[in-house]
Amino acid sequence: MNIKSSVLGLIINLFLSICVYGQDEVAIKYASMITVQDLERHLNYLASDELEGRDTGEKGQKLAAAYLRDFYSEIGLEGPVNGGYFQQFELVSTLWTEVELSIGKKKLIENEDFIFMGDGDMKKREKAELVFLGLVSDEHLENIDIKDKLVGIWAIGNRSGALVDKVMEAGALGAVVVTMEGQANFDRMANRFKALSGRGRLGFEKPTTQRPVFMVSSEKMGEIFDTPVEELKEAAKNDPSVIPSQNITYKIDKHIERVETENVLAFLEGTDKKEEVLVISSHYDHVGINSQGEINNGADDDGSGTVTVMEIAEAFAQAAEDGHRPRRSILFLNVTGEEKGLLGSEYYADNPIFPLENTVNNLNIDMVGRIGYEYEDAENQDYIYVIGSEMLSSHLKIISEYNNITYTNLILDYTYDAEDDPNRFYYRSDHYNFAKHNIPVIFYFNGVHDDYHQPTDTVDKIEFELMQKRAKLIFHTAWDLANREERTPVDGENTRLER
């Protein structure tokens, strides 16, 4: 297929659609069912104190799941999981109840001097030699013996995980990693870990790996090796072997609890293309209660996306009841565990109710109720960040633009599509678990604000009229994707699947 001619043909057809046919009055009728009043009513419950921040596996998350189930049942959508609406699965909460680290005779304090980032479970203290390797070049690995030793790594930016893997493959026992410059940055991270120290890390169960990995600041690394930081930096570039090794003692106790949770799914069967499925998603979990006992209500993150999915679902359900069923089927998917690492969407992608090869697109809605930093002082605040729309299909962005021009006239901001975007938002919400299976996606996002992951993310700060307009854009885009003749092709021109 000639990609350029295919795209040009699509643009011409869409232009003719605007000129000849104008707006789709049926779509406009059902888009009008998305109301500020309904968005606010649903969000007032989902982001209420009663739900205690909807933490994965906790009471509030279960209450939210029940609310979504009852809503979908009431509007007449099917439960596609053996007749039900819940896709239930099990996670484990892993808590390292005792982590000790000593360098020589000096005992370091967890979440002050170091952060534990690895895995392990041992009945007694272990001793090892700690050697400095610096930047982990192949030359350094050849010249410095790291087998059965812990390794000091000077990792800049996001490279720490890859470097730990590299030294472990070369025979190291584990690592002590510097991942940022300056004590202040480390202290902020350590304080976050301290606040969560009584909570386990939630994830899928995996075999325990004896993988002690400790994170320290650059200043602490200097203390550990009794060498000024600037000398460590110089050695990292040139000859790490000049830094004397240290004796290290460590102990790691691990405790696991099982946690039951569930995705919520509702299904609308299509007509002549019913085997093909459009997925419209949000995550309905949030981060729960903080260490001070304050509730993180998560009105924007992602209460806003969840109620948007609900309203879009109701509009499609009413259209179907009135005889305007979509050609393709639509799965409305509210996932759990996003805040713990995109776990619910990962589970669905690994255990799909409908074959992934039949899944045509994913429209993912995560934080659409607020105005982010970049638009706080803008004259025109009718915007939405549109992320990933041309990463896998050159057609999808054009279809999105067409529906915006035709119906909503928002500013579609593509800032976060940049290859060098330091935020890497394309990899940070649930659409990514579809994109990595070559399913074209759009991630709708309002940007970050001061209340992100704070108890102050409350309903009173939601811009409901703007959220309504954003919801209508997503509805019209979904209506188009569900009813057009051809599914959006994966043309491979802009694929970017490396996380």
Protein backbone atom coordinates (compact mmCIF):
# COMPACT_ATOMS: atom_id res chain seq x y z
CA MET A 1 0.00 0.00 0.00
CA ASN A 2 1.26 3.49 -0.83
CA ILE A 3 0.96 5.18 2.54
CA LYS A 4 1.10 8.76 1.25
CA SER A 5 -1.61 8.18 -1.35
CA SER A 6 -3.73 6.34 1.23
CA VAL A 7 -3.49 9.25 3.66
CA LEU A 8 -4.18 11.78 0.91
CA GLY A 9 -7.24 9.81 -0.12
CA LEU A 10 -8.49 9.81 3.47
CA ILE A 11 -8.02 13.59 3.74
CA ILE A 12 -9.90 14.17 0.49
CA ASN A 13 -12.76 11.89 1.57
CA LEU A 14 -13.06 13.60 4.93
CA PHE A 15 -12.99 17.03 3.30
CA LEU A 16 -15.75 15.97 0.93
CA SER A 17 -17.71 14.62 3.90
CA ILE A 18 -17.63 18.05 5.50
CA CYS A 19 -18.53 19.85 2.26
CA VAL A 20 -21.21 17.47 1.01
CA TYR A 21 -22.71 15.92 4.11
CA GLY A 22 -21.85 18.37 6.85
CA GLN A 23 -22.39 17.26 10.40
CA ASP A 24 -23.93 13.93 11.34
CA GLU A 25 -27.18 15.00 12.98
CA VAL A 26 -27.72 11.58 14.55
CA ALA A 27 -24.30 11.72 16.22
CA ILE A 28 -25.00 15.26 17.43
CA LYS A 29 -28.29 14.12 18.96
CA TYR A 30 -26.64 11.48 21.11
CA ALA A 31 -23.58 13.60 21.91
CA SER A 32 -26.02 16.07 23.48
CA MET A 33 -26.84 13.39 26.08
CA ILE A 34 -23.40 14.03 27.62
CA THR A 35 -24.33 16.68 30.17
CA VAL A 36 -22.54 18.68 32.81
CA GLN A 37 -25.17 17.60 35.32
CA ASP A 38 -24.60 13.88 34.78
CA LEU A 39 -20.81 14.23 34.75
CA GLU A 40 -20.96 16.10 38.03
CA ARG A 41 -23.45 13.69 39.61
CA HIS A 42 -21.30 10.64 38.92
CA LEU A 43 -18.08 12.36 39.92
CA ASN A 44 -19.54 13.59 43.20
CA TYR A 45 -19.88 9.97 44.20
CA LEU A 46 -16.72 8.45 42.74
CA ALA A 47 -14.52 11.20 44.18
CA SER A 48 -16.32 11.39 47.52
CA ASP A 49 -14.69 10.72 50.88
CA GLU A 50 -16.82 7.59 51.17
CA LEU A 51 -14.64 5.92 48.52
CA GLU A 52 -11.42 6.73 50.41
CA GLY A 53 -9.36 7.43 47.31
CA ARG A 54 -10.24 4.18 45.46
CA ASP A 55 -6.93 2.48 46.26
CA THR A 56 -6.53 -0.80 44.37
CA GLY A 57 -7.95 -3.74 46.33
CA GLU A 58 -9.39 -1.53 49.07
CA LYS A 59 -13.01 -0.88 50.06
CA GLY A 60 -13.34 2.30 48.02
CA GLN A 61 -12.17 0.66 44.83
CA LYS A 62 -14.76 -2.10 45.38
CA LEU A 63 -17.51 0.48 45.91
CA ALA A 64 -16.50 2.24 42.70
CA ALA A 65 -16.54 -1.06 40.81
CA ALA A 66 -20.04 -1.81 42.08
CA TYR A 67 -21.23 1.67 41.08
CA LEU A 68 -19.90 1.20 37.54
CA ARG A 69 -21.40 -2.29 37.26
CA ASP A 70 -24.83 -1.10 38.36
CA PHE A 71 -24.69 1.86 36.00
CA TYR A 72 -23.82 -0.25 32.96
CA SER A 73 -26.50 -2.76 33.82
CA GLU A 74 -29.08 0.01 34.23
CA ILE A 75 -28.37 1.51 30.78
CA GLY A 76 -28.66 -1.92 29.16
CA LEU A 77 -25.08 -2.78 28.24
CA GLU A 78 -23.96 -6.40 28.41
CA GLY A 79 -21.59 -7.88 30.93
CA PRO A 80 -19.09 -9.66 28.65
CA VAL A 81 -17.20 -11.70 31.27
CA ASN A 82 -19.26 -14.89 31.43
CA GLY A 83 -22.35 -12.72 31.66
CA GLY A 84 -20.85 -10.42 34.30
CA TYR A 85 -19.15 -7.04 34.34
CA PHE A 86 -16.08 -7.87 36.45
CA GLN A 87 -12.82 -9.25 35.15
CA GLN A 88 -11.39 -10.38 38.46
CA PHE A 89 -7.74 -11.15 39.07
CA GLU A 90 -5.21 -11.42 41.85
CA LEU A 91 -2.27 -9.22 42.69
CA VAL A 92 0.23 -9.52 45.50
CA SER A 93 1.22 -6.83 47.94
CA THR A 94 4.92 -7.23 48.67
CA LEU A 95 6.36 -5.60 51.75
CA TRP A 96 10.02 -5.77 52.66
CA THR A 97 9.50 -5.64 56.41
CA GLU A 98 13.17 -5.38 57.32
CA VAL A 99 15.90 -4.03 55.07
CA GLU A 100 19.36 -3.46 56.49
CA LEU A 101 22.43 -2.01 54.81
CA SER A 102 25.82 -1.42 56.43
CA ILE A 103 29.04 -0.20 54.86
CA GLY A 104 31.94 -1.36 56.99
CA LYS A 105 30.78 -0.75 60.54
CA LYS A 106 28.41 2.10 59.64
CA LYS A 107 24.69 1.22 59.47
CA LEU A 108 22.70 3.21 56.92
CA ILE A 109 19.08 4.20 57.58
CA GLU A 110 16.43 3.11 55.11
CA ASN A 111 14.54 5.95 53.39
CA GLU A 112 17.06 8.45 54.74
CA ASP A 113 20.46 7.22 53.60
CA PHE A 114 19.21 4.74 51.01
CA ILE A 115 16.09 3.50 49.25
CA PHE A 116 15.58 -0.21 48.60
CA MET A 117 14.61 -0.80 44.96
CA GLY A 118 15.34 -4.48 44.41
CA ASP A 119 14.07 -7.85 45.56
CA GLY A 120 15.19 -10.51 47.97
CA ASP A 121 14.28 -12.62 50.98
CA MET A 122 16.92 -13.98 53.34
CA LYS A 123 16.99 -15.44 56.81
CA LYS A 124 20.32 -13.98 57.87
CA ARG A 125 22.65 -11.12 57.03
CA GLU A 126 24.87 -11.49 53.98
CA LYS A 127 28.34 -10.02 53.46
CA ALA A 128 29.83 -8.98 50.15
CA GLU A 129 32.39 -6.74 48.53
CA LEU A 130 31.15 -3.49 47.00
CA VAL A 131 33.14 -2.29 43.99
CA PHE A 132 32.75 0.94 42.02
CA LEU A 133 32.07 0.48 38.32
CA GLY A 134 30.80 3.91 37.41
CA LEU A 135 29.08 4.11 34.03
CA VAL A 136 29.21 0.37 33.25
CA SER A 137 31.04 0.52 29.94
CA ASP A 138 31.96 -2.75 28.26
CA GLU A 139 35.62 -1.90 28.81
CA HIS A 140 35.07 -1.44 32.53
CA LEU A 141 33.20 -4.73 32.76
CA GLU A 142 36.14 -6.48 31.11
CA ASN A 143 38.73 -4.93 33.41
CA ILE A 144 36.97 -5.02 36.80
CA ASP A 145 35.92 -8.24 38.50
CA ILE A 146 32.30 -7.92 39.66
CA LYS A 147 31.33 -11.58 39.95
CA ASP A 148 29.49 -12.27 43.24
CA LYS A 149 29.96 -8.63 44.29
CA LEU A 150 27.71 -5.61 44.69
CA VAL A 151 28.44 -2.88 42.18
CA GLY A 152 28.36 0.91 42.58
CA ILE A 153 26.72 2.38 39.47
CA TRP A 154 26.70 6.01 38.40
CA ALA A 155 23.47 6.03 36.36
CA ILE A 156 22.29 9.31 34.88
CA GLY A 157 18.65 9.83 33.89
CA ASN A 158 16.43 6.80 33.23
CA ARG A 159 19.22 4.30 32.60
CA SER A 160 19.49 2.75 36.06
CA GLY A 161 17.26 -0.28 35.36
CA ALA A 162 19.12 -1.21 32.18
CA LEU A 163 22.49 -0.84 33.90
CA VAL A 164 21.43 -3.00 36.85
CA ASP A 165 20.32 -5.68 34.39
CA LYS A 166 23.66 -5.43 32.64
CA VAL A 167 25.78 -5.95 35.76
CA MET A 168 23.52 -8.75 37.01
CA GLU A 169 23.94 -10.55 33.70
CA ALA A 170 27.70 -10.12 34.15
CA GLY A 171 27.56 -11.94 37.49
CA ALA A 172 27.03 -9.23 40.09
CA LEU A 173 25.00 -9.93 43.24
CA GLY A 174 23.28 -6.57 43.13
CA ALA A 175 23.91 -2.84 42.93
CA VAL A 176 24.13 0.46 44.76
CA VAL A 177 22.86 3.06 42.30
CA VAL A 178 23.05 6.83 42.00
CA THR A 179 20.10 7.96 39.89
CA MET A 180 20.05 11.72 40.41
CA GLU A 181 22.34 14.63 41.18
CA GLY A 182 22.01 16.44 44.48
CA GLN A 183 20.82 15.53 47.93
CA ALA A 184 17.59 17.54 47.72
CA ASN A 185 16.18 15.41 44.88
CA PHE A 186 17.08 12.22 46.69
CA ASP A 187 15.52 13.47 49.95
CA ARG A 188 12.21 14.15 48.22
CA MET A 189 12.11 10.64 46.81
CA ALA A 190 13.17 9.11 50.12
CA ASN A 191 10.37 10.96 51.91
CA ARG A 192 7.82 9.54 49.49
CA PHE A 193 9.10 6.03 50.15
CA LYS A 194 9.04 6.70 53.90
CA ALA A 195 5.39 7.78 53.68
CA LEU A 196 4.58 4.47 51.97
CA SER A 197 6.86 2.34 54.11
CA GLY A 198 4.00 0.50 55.81
CA ARG A 199 2.37 -0.38 52.50
CA GLY A 200 3.39 -3.12 50.14
CA ARG A 201 4.28 -2.70 46.51
CA LEU A 202 1.38 -4.03 44.46
CA GLY A 203 1.98 -6.13 41.38
CA PHE A 204 1.67 -9.52 39.77
CA GLU A 205 3.22 -12.41 41.64
CA LYS A 206 6.72 -13.29 40.51
CA PRO A 207 9.36 -15.62 41.92
CA THR A 208 11.65 -13.92 44.43
CA THR A 209 14.96 -12.92 42.92
CA GLN A 210 17.91 -12.37 45.22
CA ARG A 211 18.52 -8.97 43.70
CA PRO A 212 19.60 -6.42 46.32
CA VAL A 213 19.47 -2.99 44.68
CA PHE A 214 19.88 0.12 46.79
CA MET A 215 19.56 3.73 45.64
CA VAL A 216 21.64 6.52 47.16
CA SER A 217 22.38 10.16 46.45
CA SER A 218 25.64 11.19 44.85
CA GLU A 219 26.78 12.63 48.17
CA LYS A 220 26.06 9.35 49.95
CA MET A 221 27.91 7.42 47.25
CA GLY A 222 30.89 9.66 47.98
CA GLU A 223 30.66 8.83 51.68
CA ILE A 224 30.35 5.10 50.99
CA PHE A 225 33.54 5.05 48.93
CA ASP A 226 35.26 7.73 51.04
CA THR A 227 35.91 9.71 47.87
CA PRO A 228 34.77 13.22 46.86
CA VAL A 229 31.88 13.23 44.38
CA GLU A 230 33.87 14.98 41.67
CA GLU A 231 36.54 12.28 41.86
CA LEU A 232 33.85 9.61 41.55
CA LYS A 233 32.50 11.32 38.44
CA GLU A 234 35.97 11.44 36.91
CA ALA A 235 36.61 7.80 37.78
CA ALA A 236 33.22 6.82 36.32
CA LYS A 237 34.36 8.21 32.95
CA ASN A 238 37.91 6.93 32.99
CA ASP A 239 39.13 4.23 35.40
CA PRO A 240 36.72 3.06 38.15
CA SER A 241 39.31 0.65 39.51
CA VAL A 242 41.13 3.50 41.24
CA ILE A 243 38.24 3.69 43.77
CA PRO A 244 38.92 1.28 46.70
CA SER A 245 36.27 -1.39 47.29
CA GLN A 246 34.22 -1.53 50.48
CA ASN A 247 32.80 -4.30 52.66
CA ILE A 248 29.02 -4.37 52.76
CA THR A 249 26.47 -6.22 54.93
CA TYR A 250 22.79 -6.43 54.04
CA LYS A 251 19.59 -8.22 55.03
CA ILE A 252 16.18 -8.33 53.34
CA ASP A 253 12.97 -9.79 54.82
CA LYS A 254 10.00 -10.14 52.48
CA HIS A 255 6.29 -10.51 53.28
CA ILE A 256 3.53 -11.14 50.71
CA GLU A 257 -0.25 -10.67 50.92
CA ARG A 258 -2.73 -11.51 48.18
CA VAL A 259 -5.04 -8.77 46.88
CA GLU A 260 -8.19 -9.33 44.83
CA THR A 261 -9.23 -6.64 42.38
CA GLU A 262 -11.25 -6.28 39.18
CA ASN A 263 -11.54 -4.45 35.88
CA VAL A 264 -15.08 -3.36 34.99
CA LEU A 265 -16.23 -4.13 31.44
CA ALA A 266 -19.43 -3.28 29.57
CA PHE A 267 -20.15 -4.30 26.00
CA LEU A 268 -22.27 -3.00 23.13
CA GLU A 269 -22.46 -5.42 20.22
CA GLY A 270 -22.19 -3.95 16.73
CA THR A 271 -24.02 -4.87 13.56
CA ASP A 272 -22.28 -5.91 10.33
CA LYS A 273 -18.75 -5.45 11.73
CA LYS A 274 -19.48 -6.75 15.21
CA GLU A 275 -16.37 -8.95 15.34
CA GLU A 276 -14.24 -5.81 15.36
CA VAL A 277 -14.05 -4.02 18.72
CA LEU A 278 -13.34 -0.41 19.69
CA VAL A 279 -12.15 -0.05 23.30
CA ILE A 280 -12.90 3.14 25.25
CA SER A 281 -11.04 3.11 28.56
CA SER A 282 -10.17 4.88 31.78
CA HIS A 283 -8.72 3.81 35.10
CA TYR A 284 -11.04 4.11 38.06
CA ASP A 285 -8.51 3.48 40.84
CA HIS A 286 -6.54 6.21 42.60
CA VAL A 287 -3.89 6.40 45.34
CA GLY A 288 -6.04 6.08 48.48
CA ILE A 289 -5.24 7.68 51.84
CA ASN A 290 -1.88 9.28 52.56
CA SER A 291 0.30 8.80 55.64
CA GLN A 292 -1.38 11.78 57.35
CA GLY A 293 -4.80 10.15 56.99
CA GLU A 294 -5.90 12.54 54.21
CA ILE A 295 -8.03 11.16 51.37
CA ASN A 296 -6.73 11.55 47.84
CA ASN A 297 -10.12 11.82 46.16
CA GLY A 298 -8.77 11.70 42.59
CA ALA A 299 -11.50 13.82 41.02
CA ASP A 300 -9.38 14.57 37.97
CA ASP A 301 -7.11 11.49 38.22
CA ASP A 302 -9.00 9.62 36.96
CA GLY A 303 -12.51 10.29 38.16
CA SER A 304 -12.85 12.67 35.22
CA GLY A 305 -11.94 10.01 32.67
CA THR A 306 -14.15 7.41 34.30
CA VAL A 307 -17.31 9.53 34.30
CA THR A 308 -16.51 10.55 30.72
CA VAL A 309 -16.48 6.87 29.72
CA MET A 310 -19.79 6.41 31.56
CA GLU A 311 -21.46 9.29 29.72
CA ILE A 312 -20.14 8.16 26.33
CA ALA A 313 -21.40 4.65 27.09
CA GLU A 314 -24.85 5.96 27.96
CA ALA A 315 -25.02 7.95 24.71
CA PHE A 316 -24.10 4.89 22.63
CA ALA A 317 -26.51 2.68 24.59
CA GLN A 318 -29.40 5.09 23.97
CA ALA A 319 -28.51 5.32 20.29
CA ALA A 320 -28.56 1.53 20.03
CA GLU A 321 -31.92 1.35 21.79
CA ASP A 322 -33.27 3.89 19.28
CA GLY A 323 -32.09 1.82 16.34
CA HIS A 324 -28.69 3.41 15.74
CA ARG A 325 -26.44 0.59 16.87
CA PRO A 326 -22.79 1.04 15.76
CA ARG A 327 -21.36 -1.17 13.04
CA ARG A 328 -18.43 -2.24 15.20
CA SER A 329 -18.77 -3.45 18.75
CA ILE A 330 -17.63 -1.20 21.60
CA LEU A 331 -16.04 -2.30 24.87
CA PHE A 332 -16.22 0.22 27.70
CA LEU A 333 -13.29 -0.68 29.93
CA ASN A 334 -12.62 0.79 33.38
CA VAL A 335 -9.38 -0.68 34.67
CA THR A 336 -7.96 -1.02 38.15
CA GLY A 337 -4.34 -0.78 39.28
CA GLU A 338 -3.19 1.95 36.89
CA GLU A 339 -1.56 3.86 39.73
CA LYS A 340 0.39 0.72 40.66
CA GLY A 341 1.95 0.33 37.21
CA LEU A 342 -0.81 -0.02 34.55
CA LEU A 343 -1.71 -3.39 36.06
CA GLY A 344 -5.38 -3.66 35.11
CA SER A 345 -4.82 -2.84 31.46
CA GLU A 346 -1.82 -5.16 31.39
CA TYR A 347 -4.02 -7.95 32.75
CA TYR A 348 -6.70 -7.27 30.13
CA ALA A 349 -4.15 -7.19 27.30
CA ASP A 350 -2.69 -10.51 28.49
CA ASN A 351 -6.16 -12.01 29.05
CA PRO A 352 -8.40 -10.26 26.54
CA ILE A 353 -12.11 -10.94 26.52
CA PHE A 354 -12.12 -10.12 22.81
CA PRO A 355 -9.17 -11.06 20.58
CA LEU A 356 -6.58 -8.31 20.32
CA GLU A 357 -6.31 -8.86 16.57
CA ASN A 358 -9.97 -7.79 16.37
CA THR A 359 -9.43 -4.72 18.57
CA VAL A 360 -9.34 -1.80 16.15
CA ASN A 361 -8.49 1.12 18.44
CA ASN A 362 -8.21 2.20 22.05
CA LEU A 363 -9.36 5.65 23.11
CA ASN A 364 -7.98 6.13 26.61
CA ILE A 365 -9.17 8.95 28.87
CA ASP A 366 -6.97 9.86 31.83
CA MET A 367 -7.35 13.30 33.45
CA VAL A 368 -9.66 15.47 31.32
CA GLY A 369 -11.33 17.65 33.95
CA ARG A 370 -8.79 20.37 34.67
CA ILE A 371 -6.50 22.98 33.12
CA GLY A 372 -2.82 22.10 33.31
CA TYR A 373 0.17 24.32 33.95
CA GLU A 374 0.78 25.29 30.33
CA TYR A 375 -2.74 26.68 29.81
CA GLU A 376 -3.33 28.35 33.19
CA ASP A 377 -2.80 31.84 31.73
CA ALA A 378 -3.86 31.13 28.15
CA GLU A 379 -6.54 33.28 26.57
CA ASN A 380 -8.11 30.21 24.96
CA GLN A 381 -8.32 27.30 27.40
CA ASP A 382 -10.46 25.06 25.21
CA TYR A 383 -7.73 22.48 24.61
CA ILE A 384 -6.87 18.84 25.12
CA TYR A 385 -3.55 17.04 24.82
CA VAL A 386 -3.89 14.30 22.20
CA ILE A 387 -1.12 11.75 22.63
CA GLY A 388 -0.13 8.90 20.32
CA SER A 389 -2.72 9.45 17.59
CA GLU A 390 -0.22 8.94 14.75
CA MET A 391 2.30 6.66 16.46
CA LEU A 392 0.82 3.52 14.88
CA SER A 393 -1.66 4.74 12.28
CA SER A 394 -1.25 7.83 10.11
CA HIS A 395 -5.04 7.76 9.60
CA LEU A 396 -6.07 8.04 13.24
CA LYS A 397 -4.77 11.56 13.78
CA ILE A 398 -6.55 12.76 10.64
CA ILE A 399 -9.83 11.18 11.76
CA SER A 400 -9.43 12.83 15.17
CA GLU A 401 -8.74 16.22 13.57
CA TYR A 402 -11.72 15.86 11.27
CA ASN A 403 -14.12 15.21 14.13
CA ASN A 404 -12.71 18.10 16.12
CA ILE A 405 -13.05 20.52 13.20
CA THR A 406 -16.56 19.27 12.48
CA TYR A 407 -17.96 19.23 16.02
CA THR A 408 -15.93 20.67 18.88
CA ASN A 409 -13.17 23.04 17.70
CA LEU A 410 -10.83 22.39 20.62
CA ILE A 411 -7.12 23.09 20.49
CA LEU A 412 -5.57 19.65 19.93
CA ASP A 413 -2.12 19.89 21.49
CA TYR A 414 0.49 17.33 20.34
CA THR A 415 3.32 18.53 22.58
CA TYR A 416 3.72 15.19 24.32
CA ASP A 417 4.11 13.25 21.08
CA ALA A 418 7.68 14.52 20.78
CA GLU A 419 10.33 11.79 20.67
CA ASP A 420 12.37 13.66 23.28
CA ASP A 421 9.46 14.43 25.62
CA PRO A 422 11.00 13.99 29.08
CA ASN A 423 7.58 13.21 30.62
CA ARG A 424 7.15 10.11 28.41
CA PHE A 425 3.36 10.30 28.84
CA TYR A 426 2.87 7.98 25.85
CA TYR A 427 4.15 5.17 28.07
CA ARG A 428 2.43 6.19 31.29
CA SER A 429 -1.27 5.39 30.96
CA ASP A 430 -3.35 2.37 30.05
CA HIS A 431 -3.40 2.90 26.28
CA TYR A 432 0.22 1.77 26.21
CA ASN A 433 -0.79 -1.82 26.94
CA PHE A 434 -2.81 -1.73 23.72
CA ALA A 435 -0.21 0.18 21.71
CA LYS A 436 2.47 -2.38 22.45
CA HIS A 437 0.22 -4.91 20.70
CA ASN A 438 0.10 -2.67 17.60
CA ILE A 439 -3.40 -1.35 18.32
CA PRO A 440 -3.66 2.33 17.30
CA VAL A 441 -4.48 4.52 20.30
CA ILE A 442 -5.33 8.02 21.39
CA PHE A 443 -4.62 9.16 24.94
CA TYR A 444 -6.66 12.22 26.01
CA PHE A 445 -5.05 14.25 28.81
CA ASN A 446 -5.33 17.73 30.32
CA GLY A 447 -1.76 17.97 31.60
CA VAL A 448 -0.40 18.12 35.14
CA HIS A 449 -1.47 20.61 37.83
CA ASP A 450 -0.55 21.30 41.45
CA ASP A 451 -3.23 18.92 42.76
CA TYR A 452 -1.89 15.87 40.92
CA HIS A 453 -1.79 12.96 43.42
CA GLN A 454 -2.71 15.32 46.26
CA PRO A 455 -5.69 15.43 48.65
CA THR A 456 -6.61 18.68 46.91
CA ASP A 457 -7.66 16.92 43.67
CA THR A 458 -11.34 17.49 44.45
CA VAL A 459 -14.59 17.88 42.53
CA ASP A 460 -14.93 21.61 43.19
CA LYS A 461 -11.90 22.25 40.95
CA ILE A 462 -13.24 20.40 37.92
CA GLU A 463 -14.02 22.47 34.79
CA PHE A 464 -17.22 20.62 33.92
CA GLU A 465 -18.16 22.57 30.78
CA LEU A 466 -14.69 22.05 29.34
CA MET A 467 -14.82 18.38 30.33
CA GLN A 468 -18.17 18.06 28.56
CA LYS A 469 -16.68 19.50 25.36
CA ARG A 470 -13.73 17.11 25.59
CA ALA A 471 -16.13 14.20 26.15
CA LYS A 472 -18.08 15.18 23.03
CA LEU A 473 -14.89 15.17 20.96
CA ILE A 474 -14.13 11.64 22.16
CA PHE A 475 -17.72 10.54 21.51
CA HIS A 476 -17.69 11.85 17.93
CA THR A 477 -14.29 10.26 17.27
CA ALA A 478 -15.58 6.96 18.68
CA TRP A 479 -18.78 7.21 16.62
CA ASP A 480 -16.69 7.69 13.48
CA LEU A 481 -14.27 4.84 14.27
CA ALA A 482 -17.14 2.48 15.13
CA ASN A 483 -19.05 3.20 11.92
CA ARG A 484 -16.54 3.85 9.13
CA GLU A 485 -16.04 1.30 6.40
CA GLU A 486 -12.37 0.47 7.00
CA ARG A 487 -10.57 0.14 10.34
CA THR A 488 -7.55 2.40 10.78
CA PRO A 489 -4.52 0.67 9.28
CA VAL A 490 -1.31 0.06 11.21
CA ASP A 491 0.98 1.48 8.56
CA GLY A 492 4.17 1.24 10.61
CA GLU A 493 5.49 4.66 9.63
CA ASN A 494 5.57 6.08 13.14
CA THR A 495 5.61 3.03 15.39
CA ARG A 496 7.28 3.68 18.76
CA LEU A 497 6.82 0.79 21.15
CA GLU A 498 9.99 0.79 23.24
CA ARG A 499 9.22 1.75 26.82
